[in-house]
PDB file of N, CA and C in Angstrom:
ATOM      1  N   UNK A   1       0.825  -1.147  -0.016  1.00  0.00           N
ATOM      2  CA  UNK A   1       0.034  -0.002   0.017  1.00  0.00           C
ATOM      3  C   UNK A   1       0.852   1.246   0.043  1.00  0.00           C
ATOM      4  N   UNK A   2       0.450   2.255  -0.713  1.00  0.00           N
ATOM      5  CA  UNK A   2       1.112   3.593  -0.720  1.00  0.00           C
ATOM      6  C   UNK A   2       0.391   4.521   0.252  1.00  0.00           C
ATOM      7  N   UNK A   3       1.081   5.094   1.213  1.00  0.00           N
ATOM      8  CA  UNK A   3       0.481   6.028   2.169  1.00  0.00           C
ATOM      9  C   UNK A   3       1.020   7.393   1.903  1.00  0.00           C
ATOM     10  N   UNK A   4       0.136   8.358   1.816  1.00  0.00           N
ATOM     11  CA  UNK A   4       0.562   9.781   1.709  1.00  0.00           C
ATOM     12  C   UNK A   4       0.141  10.497   2.961  1.00  0.00           C
ATOM     13  N   UNK A   5       1.103  10.968   3.759  1.00  0.00           N
ATOM     14  CA  UNK A   5       0.839  11.524   5.066  1.00  0.00           C
ATOM     15  C   UNK A   5       0.488  13.093   5.035  1.00  0.00           C
ATOM     16  N   UNK A   6      -0.672  13.367   5.661  1.00  0.00           N
ATOM     17  CA  UNK A   6      -0.957  14.764   5.866  1.00  0.00           C
ATOM     18  C   UNK A   6      -0.005  15.354   6.886  1.00  0.00           C
ATOM     19  N   UNK A   7       0.004  16.648   7.011  1.00  0.00           N
ATOM     20  CA  UNK A   7       0.902  17.345   7.842  1.00  0.00           C
ATOM     21  C   UNK A   7       0.912  16.857   9.317  1.00  0.00           C
ATOM     22  N   UNK A   8      -0.257  16.760   9.973  1.00  0.00           N
ATOM     23  CA  UNK A   8      -0.295  16.386  11.282  1.00  0.00           C
ATOM     24  C   UNK A   8       0.182  14.904  11.454  1.00  0.00           C
ATOM     25  N   UNK A   9      -0.038  14.057  10.515  1.00  0.00           N
ATOM     26  CA  UNK A   9       0.364  12.672  10.613  1.00  0.00           C
ATOM     27  C   UNK A   9       1.903  12.606  10.657  1.00  0.00           C
ATOM     28  N   UNK A  10       2.513  13.418   9.731  1.00  0.00           N
ATOM     29  CA  UNK A  10       3.977  13.446   9.681  1.00  0.00           C
ATOM     30  C   UNK A  10       4.555  13.952  11.005  1.00  0.00           C
ATOM     31  N   UNK A  11       4.008  15.036  11.574  1.00  0.00           N
ATOM     32  CA  UNK A  11       4.481  15.606  12.761  1.00  0.00           C
ATOM     33  C   UNK A  11       4.270  14.650  13.950  1.00  0.00           C
ATOM     34  N   UNK A  12       3.117  14.013  13.993  1.00  0.00           N
ATOM     35  CA  UNK A  12       2.890  13.067  15.096  1.00  0.00           C
ATOM     36  C   UNK A  12       3.761  11.919  14.989  1.00  0.00           C
ATOM     37  N   UNK A  13       4.101  11.397  13.768  1.00  0.00           N
ATOM     38  CA  UNK A  13       4.971  10.258  13.671  1.00  0.00           C
ATOM     39  C   UNK A  13       6.402  10.640  14.130  1.00  0.00           C
ATOM     40  N   UNK A  14       6.933  11.789  13.649  1.00  0.00           N
ATOM     41  CA  UNK A  14       8.292  12.234  13.931  1.00  0.00           C
ATOM     42  C   UNK A  14       8.444  12.518  15.471  1.00  0.00           C
ATOM     43  N   UNK A  15       7.344  12.944  16.102  1.00  0.00           N
ATOM     44  CA  UNK A  15       7.397  13.247  17.522  1.00  0.00           C
ATOM     45  C   UNK A  15       7.054  12.011  18.475  1.00  0.00           C
ATOM     46  N   UNK A  16       6.707  10.911  17.818  1.00  0.00           N
ATOM     47  CA  UNK A  16       6.150   9.708  18.497  1.00  0.00           C
ATOM     48  C   UNK A  16       5.044  10.101  19.345  1.00  0.00           C
ATOM     49  N   UNK A  17       4.175  10.980  18.847  1.00  0.00           N
ATOM     50  CA  UNK A  17       2.993  11.500  19.548  1.00  0.00           C
ATOM     51  C   UNK A  17       1.915  10.431  19.676  1.00  0.00           C
ATOM     52  N   UNK A  18       1.360  10.198  20.893  1.00  0.00           N
ATOM     53  CA  UNK A  18       0.337   9.204  21.102  1.00  0.00           C
ATOM     54  C   UNK A  18      -0.988   9.590  20.408  1.00  0.00           C
ATOM     55  N   UNK A  19      -1.090  10.854  19.923  1.00  0.00           N
ATOM     56  CA  UNK A  19      -2.345  11.205  19.198  1.00  0.00           C
ATOM     57  C   UNK A  19      -2.476  10.465  17.880  1.00  0.00           C
ATOM     58  N   UNK A  20      -1.379   9.938  17.350  1.00  0.00           N
ATOM     59  CA  UNK A  20      -1.486   9.148  16.053  1.00  0.00           C
ATOM     60  C   UNK A  20      -2.211   7.848  16.309  1.00  0.00           C
ATOM     61  N   UNK A  21      -3.221   7.620  15.517  1.00  0.00           N
ATOM     62  CA  UNK A  21      -4.049   6.500  15.646  1.00  0.00           C
ATOM     63  C   UNK A  21      -3.177   5.233  15.594  1.00  0.00           C
ATOM     64  N   UNK A  22      -3.464   4.254  16.454  1.00  0.00           N
ATOM     65  CA  UNK A  22      -2.602   2.943  16.415  1.00  0.00           C
ATOM     66  C   UNK A  22      -2.672   2.305  15.083  1.00  0.00           C
ATOM     67  N   UNK A  23      -3.774   2.235  14.413  1.00  0.00           N
ATOM     68  CA  UNK A  23      -3.871   1.556  13.147  1.00  0.00           C
ATOM     69  C   UNK A  23      -2.985   2.298  12.101  1.00  0.00           C
ATOM     70  N   UNK A  24      -3.018   3.624  12.139  1.00  0.00           N
ATOM     71  CA  UNK A  24      -2.206   4.403  11.201  1.00  0.00           C
ATOM     72  C   UNK A  24      -0.757   4.219  11.573  1.00  0.00           C
ATOM     73  N   UNK A  25      -0.436   4.258  12.851  1.00  0.00           N
ATOM     74  CA  UNK A  25       0.974   4.052  13.283  1.00  0.00           C
ATOM     75  C   UNK A  25       1.529   2.660  12.692  1.00  0.00           C
ATOM     76  N   UNK A  26       0.710   1.642  12.905  1.00  0.00           N
ATOM     77  CA  UNK A  26       1.105   0.259  12.359  1.00  0.00           C
ATOM     78  C   UNK A  26       1.324   0.263  10.876  1.00  0.00           C
ATOM     79  N   UNK A  27       0.405   0.948  10.160  1.00  0.00           N
ATOM     80  CA  UNK A  27       0.513   0.948   8.671  1.00  0.00           C
ATOM     81  C   UNK A  27       1.760   1.705   8.312  1.00  0.00           C
ATOM     82  N   UNK A  28       2.075   2.788   8.929  1.00  0.00           N
ATOM     83  CA  UNK A  28       3.223   3.570   8.593  1.00  0.00           C
ATOM     84  C   UNK A  28       4.495   2.819   8.909  1.00  0.00           C
ATOM     85  N   UNK A  29       4.502   2.052  10.049  1.00  0.00           N
ATOM     86  CA  UNK A  29       5.641   1.251  10.440  1.00  0.00           C
ATOM     87  C   UNK A  29       5.818   0.007   9.630  1.00  0.00           C
ATOM     88  N   UNK A  30       4.779  -0.386   8.896  1.00  0.00           N
ATOM     89  CA  UNK A  30       4.813  -1.684   8.094  1.00  0.00           C
ATOM     90  C   UNK A  30       5.815  -1.478   6.954  1.00  0.00           C
ATOM     91  N   UNK A  31       6.926  -2.235   6.917  1.00  0.00           N
ATOM     92  CA  UNK A  31       7.888  -2.109   5.849  1.00  0.00           C
ATOM     93  C   UNK A  31       7.393  -2.492   4.442  1.00  0.00           C
ATOM     94  N   UNK A  32       6.276  -3.112   4.378  1.00  0.00           N
ATOM     95  CA  UNK A  32       5.723  -3.431   3.066  1.00  0.00           C
ATOM     96  C   UNK A  32       4.942  -2.226   2.412  1.00  0.00           C
ATOM     97  N   UNK A  33       4.710  -1.218   3.242  1.00  0.00           N
ATOM     98  CA  UNK A  33       4.032   0.007   2.723  1.00  0.00           C
ATOM     99  C   UNK A  33       5.015   1.033   2.280  1.00  0.00           C
ATOM    100  N   UNK A  34       4.747   1.735   1.284  1.00  0.00           N
ATOM    101  CA  UNK A  34       5.544   2.916   0.876  1.00  0.00           C
ATOM    102  C   UNK A  34       4.924   4.129   1.507  1.00  0.00           C
ATOM    103  N   UNK A  35       5.771   4.879   2.262  1.00  0.00           N
ATOM    104  CA  UNK A  35       5.246   6.125   2.898  1.00  0.00           C
ATOM    105  C   UNK A  35       5.811   7.340   2.208  1.00  0.00           C
ATOM    106  N   UNK A  36       4.961   8.218   1.839  1.00  0.00           N
ATOM    107  CA  UNK A  36       5.270   9.420   1.131  1.00  0.00           C
ATOM    108  C   UNK A  36       4.864  10.677   1.914  1.00  0.00           C
ATOM    109  N   UNK A  37       5.629  11.702   1.690  1.00  0.00           N
ATOM    110  CA  UNK A  37       5.295  13.071   2.245  1.00  0.00           C
ATOM    111  C   UNK A  37       5.476  13.957   1.115  1.00  0.00           C
ATOM    112  N   UNK A  38       4.375  14.703   0.763  1.00  0.00           N
ATOM    113  CA  UNK A  38       4.368  15.607  -0.312  1.00  0.00           C
ATOM    114  C   UNK A  38       5.254  16.837  -0.040  1.00  0.00           C
ATOM    115  N   UNK A  39       5.910  17.284  -1.119  1.00  0.00           N
ATOM    116  CA  UNK A  39       6.623  18.559  -1.053  1.00  0.00           C
ATOM    117  C   UNK A  39       5.736  19.649  -0.581  1.00  0.00           C
ATOM    118  N   UNK A  40       4.371  19.565  -0.930  1.00  0.00           N
ATOM    119  CA  UNK A  40       3.402  20.571  -0.474  1.00  0.00           C
ATOM    120  C   UNK A  40       3.273  20.498   1.061  1.00  0.00           C
ATOM    121  N   UNK A  41       3.313  19.364   1.618  1.00  0.00           N
ATOM    122  CA  UNK A  41       3.213  19.267   3.065  1.00  0.00           C
ATOM    123  C   UNK A  41       4.500  19.824   3.717  1.00  0.00           C
ATOM    124  N   UNK A  42       5.668  19.596   3.195  1.00  0.00           N
ATOM    125  CA  UNK A  42       6.895  20.207   3.710  1.00  0.00           C
ATOM    126  C   UNK A  42       6.711  21.788   3.661  1.00  0.00           C
ATOM    127  N   UNK A  43       6.177  22.291   2.580  1.00  0.00           N
ATOM    128  CA  UNK A  43       5.950  23.768   2.423  1.00  0.00           C
ATOM    129  C   UNK A  43       4.921  24.182   3.496  1.00  0.00           C
ATOM    130  N   UNK A  44       3.835  23.444   3.643  1.00  0.00           N
ATOM    131  CA  UNK A  44       2.764  23.876   4.603  1.00  0.00           C
ATOM    132  C   UNK A  44       3.385  23.910   6.014  1.00  0.00           C
ATOM    133  N   UNK A  45       4.095  22.985   6.405  1.00  0.00           N
ATOM    134  CA  UNK A  45       4.672  22.890   7.773  1.00  0.00           C
ATOM    135  C   UNK A  45       5.700  23.986   7.940  1.00  0.00           C
ATOM    136  N   UNK A  46       6.477  24.247   6.901  1.00  0.00           N
ATOM    137  CA  UNK A  46       7.503  25.346   7.006  1.00  0.00           C
ATOM    138  C   UNK A  46       6.835  26.690   7.155  1.00  0.00           C
ATOM    139  N   UNK A  47       5.794  26.950   6.440  1.00  0.00           N
ATOM    140  CA  UNK A  47       5.057  28.216   6.469  1.00  0.00           C
ATOM    141  C   UNK A  47       4.431  28.401   7.899  1.00  0.00           C
ATOM    142  N   UNK A  48       3.718  27.277   8.376  1.00  0.00           N
ATOM    143  CA  UNK A  48       3.107  27.422   9.638  1.00  0.00           C
ATOM    144  C   UNK A  48       4.116  27.489  10.794  1.00  0.00           C
ATOM    145  N   UNK A  49       5.278  26.887  10.680  1.00  0.00           N
ATOM    146  CA  UNK A  49       6.336  26.988  11.612  1.00  0.00           C
ATOM    147  C   UNK A  49       6.891  28.425  11.655  1.00  0.00           C
ATOM    148  N   UNK A  50       7.026  29.020  10.477  1.00  0.00           N
ATOM    149  CA  UNK A  50       7.577  30.417  10.416  1.00  0.00           C
ATOM    150  C   UNK A  50       6.617  31.368  10.984  1.00  0.00           C
ATOM    151  N   UNK A  51       5.304  31.072  10.871  1.00  0.00           N
ATOM    152  CA  UNK A  51       4.242  31.954  11.460  1.00  0.00           C
ATOM    153  C   UNK A  51       4.091  31.730  12.963  1.00  0.00           C
ATOM    154  N   UNK A  52       4.794  30.751  13.570  1.00  0.00           N
ATOM    155  CA  UNK A  52       4.644  30.354  14.941  1.00  0.00           C
ATOM    156  C   UNK A  52       3.428  29.642  15.256  1.00  0.00           C
ATOM    157  N   UNK A  53       2.777  28.998  14.212  1.00  0.00           N
ATOM    158  CA  UNK A  53       1.513  28.196  14.474  1.00  0.00           C
ATOM    159  C   UNK A  53       1.752  26.767  14.870  1.00  0.00           C
ATOM    160  N   UNK A  54       3.000  26.247  14.659  1.00  0.00           N
ATOM    161  CA  UNK A  54       3.255  24.893  15.117  1.00  0.00           C
ATOM    162  C   UNK A  54       4.723  24.779  15.224  1.00  0.00           C
ATOM    163  N   UNK A  55       5.103  23.680  16.028  1.00  0.00           N
ATOM    164  CA  UNK A  55       6.521  23.346  16.129  1.00  0.00           C
ATOM    165  C   UNK A  55       6.813  22.125  15.250  1.00  0.00           C
ATOM    166  N   UNK A  56       8.002  22.190  14.579  1.00  0.00           N
ATOM    167  CA  UNK A  56       8.378  21.049  13.721  1.00  0.00           C
ATOM    168  C   UNK A  56       9.908  20.875  13.923  1.00  0.00           C
ATOM    169  N   UNK A  57      10.391  19.738  13.629  1.00  0.00           N
ATOM    170  CA  UNK A  57      11.844  19.542  13.753  1.00  0.00           C
ATOM    171  C   UNK A  57      12.612  20.383  12.806  1.00  0.00           C
ATOM    172  N   UNK A  58      13.818  20.830  13.281  1.00  0.00           N
ATOM    173  CA  UNK A  58      14.756  21.563  12.332  1.00  0.00           C
ATOM    174  C   UNK A  58      15.159  20.478  11.328  1.00  0.00           C
ATOM    175  N   UNK A  59      15.413  20.910  10.085  1.00  0.00           N
ATOM    176  CA  UNK A  59      15.821  20.008   9.094  1.00  0.00           C
ATOM    177  C   UNK A  59      14.712  19.012   8.779  1.00  0.00           C
ATOM    178  N   UNK A  60      13.519  19.478   8.554  1.00  0.00           N
ATOM    179  CA  UNK A  60      12.307  18.633   8.324  1.00  0.00           C
ATOM    180  C   UNK A  60      12.491  17.633   7.205  1.00  0.00           C
ATOM    181  N   UNK A  61      13.082  18.047   6.093  1.00  0.00           N
ATOM    182  CA  UNK A  61      13.260  17.085   5.004  1.00  0.00           C
ATOM    183  C   UNK A  61      14.199  15.937   5.448  1.00  0.00           C
ATOM    184  N   UNK A  62      15.280  16.266   6.034  1.00  0.00           N
ATOM    185  CA  UNK A  62      16.157  15.291   6.557  1.00  0.00           C
ATOM    186  C   UNK A  62      15.570  14.309   7.582  1.00  0.00           C
ATOM    187  N   UNK A  63      14.697  14.911   8.459  1.00  0.00           N
ATOM    188  CA  UNK A  63      13.934  14.064   9.444  1.00  0.00           C
ATOM    189  C   UNK A  63      13.000  13.099   8.758  1.00  0.00           C
ATOM    190  N   UNK A  64      12.325  13.608   7.703  1.00  0.00           N
ATOM    191  CA  UNK A  64      11.408  12.780   6.931  1.00  0.00           C
ATOM    192  C   UNK A  64      12.135  11.682   6.279  1.00  0.00           C
ATOM    193  N   UNK A  65      13.268  12.012   5.627  1.00  0.00           N
ATOM    194  CA  UNK A  65      14.023  10.980   4.948  1.00  0.00           C
ATOM    195  C   UNK A  65      14.640  10.024   5.912  1.00  0.00           C
ATOM    196  N   UNK A  66      15.106  10.454   7.094  1.00  0.00           N
ATOM    197  CA  UNK A  66      15.640   9.615   8.073  1.00  0.00           C
ATOM    198  C   UNK A  66      14.635   8.615   8.609  1.00  0.00           C
ATOM    199  N   UNK A  67      13.349   9.098   8.665  1.00  0.00           N
ATOM    200  CA  UNK A  67      12.288   8.183   9.076  1.00  0.00           C
ATOM    201  C   UNK A  67      11.959   7.075   8.025  1.00  0.00           C
ATOM    202  N   UNK A  68      12.632   7.234   6.865  1.00  0.00           N
ATOM    203  CA  UNK A  68      12.428   6.244   5.817  1.00  0.00           C
ATOM    204  C   UNK A  68      11.322   6.564   4.817  1.00  0.00           C
ATOM    205  N   UNK A  69      10.863   7.787   4.936  1.00  0.00           N
ATOM    206  CA  UNK A  69       9.750   8.256   3.995  1.00  0.00           C
ATOM    207  C   UNK A  69      10.416   8.947   2.810  1.00  0.00           C
ATOM    208  N   UNK A  70       9.641   8.828   1.620  1.00  0.00           N
ATOM    209  CA  UNK A  70      10.127   9.533   0.432  1.00  0.00           C
ATOM    210  C   UNK A  70       9.316  10.800   0.290  1.00  0.00           C
ATOM    211  N   UNK A  71      10.006  11.858  -0.149  1.00  0.00           N
ATOM    212  CA  UNK A  71       9.336  13.143  -0.409  1.00  0.00           C
ATOM    213  C   UNK A  71       8.799  13.002  -1.862  1.00  0.00           C
ATOM    214  N   UNK A  72       7.491  13.291  -2.026  1.00  0.00           N
ATOM    215  CA  UNK A  72       6.833  13.279  -3.337  1.00  0.00           C
ATOM    216  C   UNK A  72       6.832  14.627  -3.905  1.00  0.00           C
ATOM    217  N   UNK A  73       7.589  14.792  -5.070  1.00  0.00           N
ATOM    218  CA  UNK A  73       7.600  16.124  -5.715  1.00  0.00           C
ATOM    219  C   UNK A  73       6.248  16.510  -6.305  1.00  0.00           C
ATOM    220  N   UNK A  74       6.035  17.723  -6.509  1.00  0.00           N
ATOM    221  CA  UNK A  74       4.836  18.220  -7.148  1.00  0.00           C
ATOM    222  C   UNK A  74       5.137  18.341  -8.610  1.00  0.00           C
ATOM    223  N   UNK A  75       4.307  17.713  -9.451  1.00  0.00           N
ATOM    224  CA  UNK A  75       4.459  17.829 -10.933  1.00  0.00           C
ATOM    225  C   UNK A  75       3.449  18.864 -11.433  1.00  0.00           C
ATOM    226  N   UNK A  76       3.745  19.196 -12.698  1.00  0.00           N
ATOM    227  CA  UNK A  76       2.789  20.111 -13.364  1.00  0.00           C
ATOM    228  C   UNK A  76       1.372  19.530 -13.410  1.00  0.00           C
ATOM    229  N   UNK A  77       1.265  18.231 -13.649  1.00  0.00           N
ATOM    230  CA  UNK A  77       0.022  17.567 -13.696  1.00  0.00           C
ATOM    231  C   UNK A  77      -0.711  17.625 -12.300  1.00  0.00           C
ATOM    232  N   UNK A  78       0.094  17.454 -11.214  1.00  0.00           N
ATOM    233  CA  UNK A  78      -0.449  17.601  -9.849  1.00  0.00           C
ATOM    234  C   UNK A  78      -1.075  19.059  -9.689  1.00  0.00           C
ATOM    235  N   UNK A  79      -0.337  20.016 -10.109  1.00  0.00           N
ATOM    236  CA  UNK A  79      -0.737  21.465  -9.934  1.00  0.00           C
ATOM    237  C   UNK A  79      -2.020  21.676 -10.753  1.00  0.00           C
ATOM    238  N   UNK A  80      -2.049  21.214 -11.966  1.00  0.00           N
ATOM    239  CA  UNK A  80      -3.280  21.376 -12.798  1.00  0.00           C
ATOM    240  C   UNK A  80      -4.476  20.699 -12.239  1.00  0.00           C
ATOM    241  N   UNK A  81      -4.235  19.429 -11.795  1.00  0.00           N
ATOM    242  CA  UNK A  81      -5.321  18.660 -11.221  1.00  0.00           C
ATOM    243  C   UNK A  81      -5.885  19.304  -9.922  1.00  0.00           C
ATOM    244  N   UNK A  82      -4.968  19.700  -9.041  1.00  0.00           N
ATOM    245  CA  UNK A  82      -5.429  20.321  -7.751  1.00  0.00           C
ATOM    246  C   UNK A  82      -6.155  21.614  -7.981  1.00  0.00           C
ATOM    247  N   UNK A  83      -5.744  22.377  -9.052  1.00  0.00           N
ATOM    248  CA  UNK A  83      -6.321  23.646  -9.323  1.00  0.00           C
ATOM    249  C   UNK A  83      -7.774  23.462  -9.921  1.00  0.00           C
ATOM    250  N   UNK A  84      -8.085  22.265 -10.433  1.00  0.00           N
ATOM    251  CA  UNK A  84      -9.354  22.098 -11.105  1.00  0.00           C
ATOM    252  C   UNK A  84     -10.336  21.335 -10.175  1.00  0.00           C
ATOM    253  N   UNK A  85      -9.934  20.959  -9.007  1.00  0.00           N
ATOM    254  CA  UNK A  85     -10.814  20.207  -8.114  1.00  0.00           C
ATOM    255  C   UNK A  85     -12.026  21.088  -7.677  1.00  0.00           C
ATOM    256  N   UNK A  86     -13.166  20.500  -7.426  1.00  0.00           N
ATOM    257  CA  UNK A  86     -14.264  21.283  -6.906  1.00  0.00           C
ATOM    258  C   UNK A  86     -13.932  21.827  -5.543  1.00  0.00           C
ATOM    259  N   UNK A  87     -14.565  22.929  -5.142  1.00  0.00           N
ATOM    260  CA  UNK A  87     -14.169  23.640  -3.932  1.00  0.00           C
ATOM    261  C   UNK A  87     -14.879  22.998  -2.737  1.00  0.00           C
ATOM    262  N   UNK A  88     -14.741  21.720  -2.550  1.00  0.00           N
ATOM    263  CA  UNK A  88     -15.282  21.080  -1.364  1.00  0.00           C
ATOM    264  C   UNK A  88     -14.405  21.614  -0.147  1.00  0.00           C
ATOM    265  N   UNK A  89     -13.192  21.873  -0.416  1.00  0.00           N
ATOM    266  CA  UNK A  89     -12.228  22.262   0.629  1.00  0.00           C
ATOM    267  C   UNK A  89     -11.323  23.345   0.038  1.00  0.00           C
ATOM    268  N   UNK A  90     -11.157  24.365   0.796  1.00  0.00           N
ATOM    269  CA  UNK A  90     -10.397  25.571   0.283  1.00  0.00           C
ATOM    270  C   UNK A  90      -8.882  25.438   0.572  1.00  0.00           C
ATOM    271  N   UNK A  91      -8.475  24.546   1.372  1.00  0.00           N
ATOM    272  CA  UNK A  91      -7.001  24.439   1.721  1.00  0.00           C
ATOM    273  C   UNK A  91      -6.246  23.909   0.530  1.00  0.00           C
ATOM    274  N   UNK A  92      -5.443  24.763  -0.093  1.00  0.00           N
ATOM    275  CA  UNK A  92      -4.695  24.341  -1.230  1.00  0.00           C
ATOM    276  C   UNK A  92      -3.721  23.182  -1.042  1.00  0.00           C
ATOM    277  N   UNK A  93      -3.207  23.087   0.198  1.00  0.00           N
ATOM    278  CA  UNK A  93      -2.293  22.003   0.521  1.00  0.00           C
ATOM    279  C   UNK A  93      -2.999  20.627   0.518  1.00  0.00           C
ATOM    280  N   UNK A  94      -4.221  20.640   1.055  1.00  0.00           N
ATOM    281  CA  UNK A  94      -5.009  19.410   1.024  1.00  0.00           C
ATOM    282  C   UNK A  94      -5.451  19.040  -0.351  1.00  0.00           C
ATOM    283  N   UNK A  95      -5.766  20.036  -1.156  1.00  0.00           N
ATOM    284  CA  UNK A  95      -6.188  19.804  -2.495  1.00  0.00           C
ATOM    285  C   UNK A  95      -5.101  19.181  -3.313  1.00  0.00           C
ATOM    286  N   UNK A  96      -3.813  19.670  -3.055  1.00  0.00           N
ATOM    287  CA  UNK A  96      -2.637  19.057  -3.663  1.00  0.00           C
ATOM    288  C   UNK A  96      -2.539  17.538  -3.305  1.00  0.00           C
ATOM    289  N   UNK A  97      -2.704  17.270  -1.995  1.00  0.00           N
ATOM    290  CA  UNK A  97      -2.627  15.881  -1.568  1.00  0.00           C
ATOM    291  C   UNK A  97      -3.624  15.000  -2.336  1.00  0.00           C
ATOM    292  N   UNK A  98      -4.828  15.532  -2.459  1.00  0.00           N
ATOM    293  CA  UNK A  98      -5.861  14.797  -3.226  1.00  0.00           C
ATOM    294  C   UNK A  98      -5.405  14.492  -4.597  1.00  0.00           C
ATOM    295  N   UNK A  99      -4.808  15.462  -5.316  1.00  0.00           N
ATOM    296  CA  UNK A  99      -4.418  15.327  -6.658  1.00  0.00           C
ATOM    297  C   UNK A  99      -3.222  14.269  -6.694  1.00  0.00           C
ATOM    298  N   UNK A 100      -2.324  14.424  -5.782  1.00  0.00           N
ATOM    299  CA  UNK A 100      -1.128  13.502  -5.760  1.00  0.00           C
ATOM    300  C   UNK A 100      -1.569  12.109  -5.365  1.00  0.00           C
ATOM    301  N   UNK A 101      -2.454  12.015  -4.393  1.00  0.00           N
ATOM    302  CA  UNK A 101      -2.894  10.602  -3.991  1.00  0.00           C
ATOM    303  C   UNK A 101      -3.596   9.947  -5.216  1.00  0.00           C
ATOM    304  N   UNK A 102      -4.369  10.695  -5.968  1.00  0.00           N
ATOM    305  CA  UNK A 102      -4.952  10.105  -7.182  1.00  0.00           C
ATOM    306  C   UNK A 102      -3.926   9.656  -8.150  1.00  0.00           C
ATOM    307  N   UNK A 103      -2.916  10.512  -8.368  1.00  0.00           N
ATOM    308  CA  UNK A 103      -1.864  10.170  -9.428  1.00  0.00           C
ATOM    309  C   UNK A 103      -1.073   8.952  -9.076  1.00  0.00           C
ATOM    310  N   UNK A 104      -0.742   8.842  -7.734  1.00  0.00           N
ATOM    311  CA  UNK A 104       0.116   7.651  -7.400  1.00  0.00           C
ATOM    312  C   UNK A 104      -0.623   6.513  -6.799  1.00  0.00           C
ATOM    313  N   UNK A 105      -1.945   6.627  -6.640  1.00  0.00           N
ATOM    314  CA  UNK A 105      -2.690   5.547  -6.036  1.00  0.00           C
ATOM    315  C   UNK A 105      -2.490   5.419  -4.570  1.00  0.00           C
ATOM    316  N   UNK A 106      -2.403   6.456  -3.814  1.00  0.00           N
ATOM    317  CA  UNK A 106      -2.090   6.497  -2.374  1.00  0.00           C
ATOM    318  C   UNK A 106      -3.343   6.650  -1.550  1.00  0.00           C
ATOM    319  N   UNK A 107      -3.203   6.124  -0.308  1.00  0.00           N
ATOM    320  CA  UNK A 107      -4.174   6.313   0.728  1.00  0.00           C
ATOM    321  C   UNK A 107      -3.667   7.528   1.570  1.00  0.00           C
ATOM    322  N   UNK A 108      -4.562   8.489   1.729  1.00  0.00           N
ATOM    323  CA  UNK A 108      -4.180   9.673   2.558  1.00  0.00           C
ATOM    324  C   UNK A 108      -4.365   9.334   4.042  1.00  0.00           C
ATOM    325  N   UNK A 109      -3.234   9.618   4.842  1.00  0.00           N
ATOM    326  CA  UNK A 109      -3.327   9.387   6.262  1.00  0.00           C
ATOM    327  C   UNK A 109      -3.587  10.735   6.863  1.00  0.00           C
ATOM    328  N   UNK A 110      -4.802  10.858   7.433  1.00  0.00           N
ATOM    329  CA  UNK A 110      -5.255  12.163   7.896  1.00  0.00           C
ATOM    330  C   UNK A 110      -6.501  12.058   8.825  1.00  0.00           C
ATOM    331  N   UNK A 111      -6.671  12.973   9.710  1.00  0.00           N
ATOM    332  CA  UNK A 111      -7.841  13.108  10.516  1.00  0.00           C
ATOM    333  C   UNK A 111      -8.866  14.048   9.871  1.00  0.00           C
ATOM    334  N   UNK A 112      -8.462  14.650   8.784  1.00  0.00           N
ATOM    335  CA  UNK A 112      -9.252  15.619   8.043  1.00  0.00           C
ATOM    336  C   UNK A 112     -10.264  14.932   7.226  1.00  0.00           C
ATOM    337  N   UNK A 113     -11.523  15.036   7.522  1.00  0.00           N
ATOM    338  CA  UNK A 113     -12.616  14.276   6.766  1.00  0.00           C
ATOM    339  C   UNK A 113     -12.913  14.963   5.434  1.00  0.00           C
ATOM    340  N   UNK A 114     -12.382  16.179   5.191  1.00  0.00           N
ATOM    341  CA  UNK A 114     -12.624  16.840   3.916  1.00  0.00           C
ATOM    342  C   UNK A 114     -12.146  16.060   2.774  1.00  0.00           C
ATOM    343  N   UNK A 115     -11.110  15.214   2.969  1.00  0.00           N
ATOM    344  CA  UNK A 115     -10.629  14.310   1.843  1.00  0.00           C
ATOM    345  C   UNK A 115     -11.692  13.455   1.292  1.00  0.00           C
ATOM    346  N   UNK A 116     -12.566  13.011   2.083  1.00  0.00           N
ATOM    347  CA  UNK A 116     -13.632  12.109   1.675  1.00  0.00           C
ATOM    348  C   UNK A 116     -14.535  12.700   0.635  1.00  0.00           C
ATOM    349  N   UNK A 117     -14.764  14.057   0.677  1.00  0.00           N
ATOM    350  CA  UNK A 117     -15.614  14.731  -0.282  1.00  0.00           C
ATOM    351  C   UNK A 117     -15.029  14.563  -1.704  1.00  0.00           C
ATOM    352  N   UNK A 118     -13.740  14.275  -1.808  1.00  0.00           N
ATOM    353  CA  UNK A 118     -13.124  14.133  -3.087  1.00  0.00           C
ATOM    354  C   UNK A 118     -13.045  12.704  -3.539  1.00  0.00           C
ATOM    355  N   UNK A 119     -13.546  11.796  -2.694  1.00  0.00           N
ATOM    356  CA  UNK A 119     -13.480  10.393  -3.034  1.00  0.00           C
ATOM    357  C   UNK A 119     -12.135   9.751  -2.727  1.00  0.00           C
ATOM    358  N   UNK A 120     -11.266  10.545  -1.980  1.00  0.00           N
ATOM    359  CA  UNK A 120      -9.960   9.939  -1.668  1.00  0.00           C
ATOM    360  C   UNK A 120     -10.090   8.835  -0.706  1.00  0.00           C
ATOM    361  N   UNK A 121      -9.239   7.813  -0.765  1.00  0.00           N
ATOM    362  CA  UNK A 121      -9.209   6.817   0.275  1.00  0.00           C
ATOM    363  C   UNK A 121      -8.472   7.361   1.470  1.00  0.00           C
ATOM    364  N   UNK A 122      -9.023   7.227   2.648  1.00  0.00           N
ATOM    365  CA  UNK A 122      -8.384   7.861   3.839  1.00  0.00           C
ATOM    366  C   UNK A 122      -8.236   6.813   4.906  1.00  0.00           C
ATOM    367  N   UNK A 123      -7.008   6.798   5.553  1.00  0.00           N
ATOM    368  CA  UNK A 123      -6.679   6.085   6.719  1.00  0.00           C
ATOM    369  C   UNK A 123      -6.688   7.087   7.853  1.00  0.00           C
ATOM    370  N   UNK A 124      -7.628   6.976   8.757  1.00  0.00           N
ATOM    371  CA  UNK A 124      -7.577   7.968   9.891  1.00  0.00           C
ATOM    372  C   UNK A 124      -6.314   8.017  10.696  1.00  0.00           C
ATOM    373  N   UNK A 125      -5.878   9.204  10.846  1.00  0.00           N
ATOM    374  CA  UNK A 125      -4.630   9.437  11.612  1.00  0.00           C
ATOM    375  C   UNK A 125      -4.933   9.668  13.064  1.00  0.00           C
TER     376      UNK A 125
END
């Protein structure tokens, strides 16, 4: 299975936060699953960290890679697809995750139920 982590799922995993759902934690830890973090999620976390809205590890990309996750780049097709999604959800970062999950066949790991409006497969975080 391919898992695409939403921002809170990434941060909870890296912090070993007990808020991360045990089923999601098990799926992320399963070596048979591919775990991805979108470049859009890295950007979202960096912006919110700079604004003082959240704490994240220094060297986030290195921390993600050290955790064994792959950073999923944003393609032109992703940008075009995200930009044409219906406005079920106004968050551009989440819309990018929907587009990327569709392109790579990933399950989104998130507590945000807005992904369901797009028909995305979601594993609750």
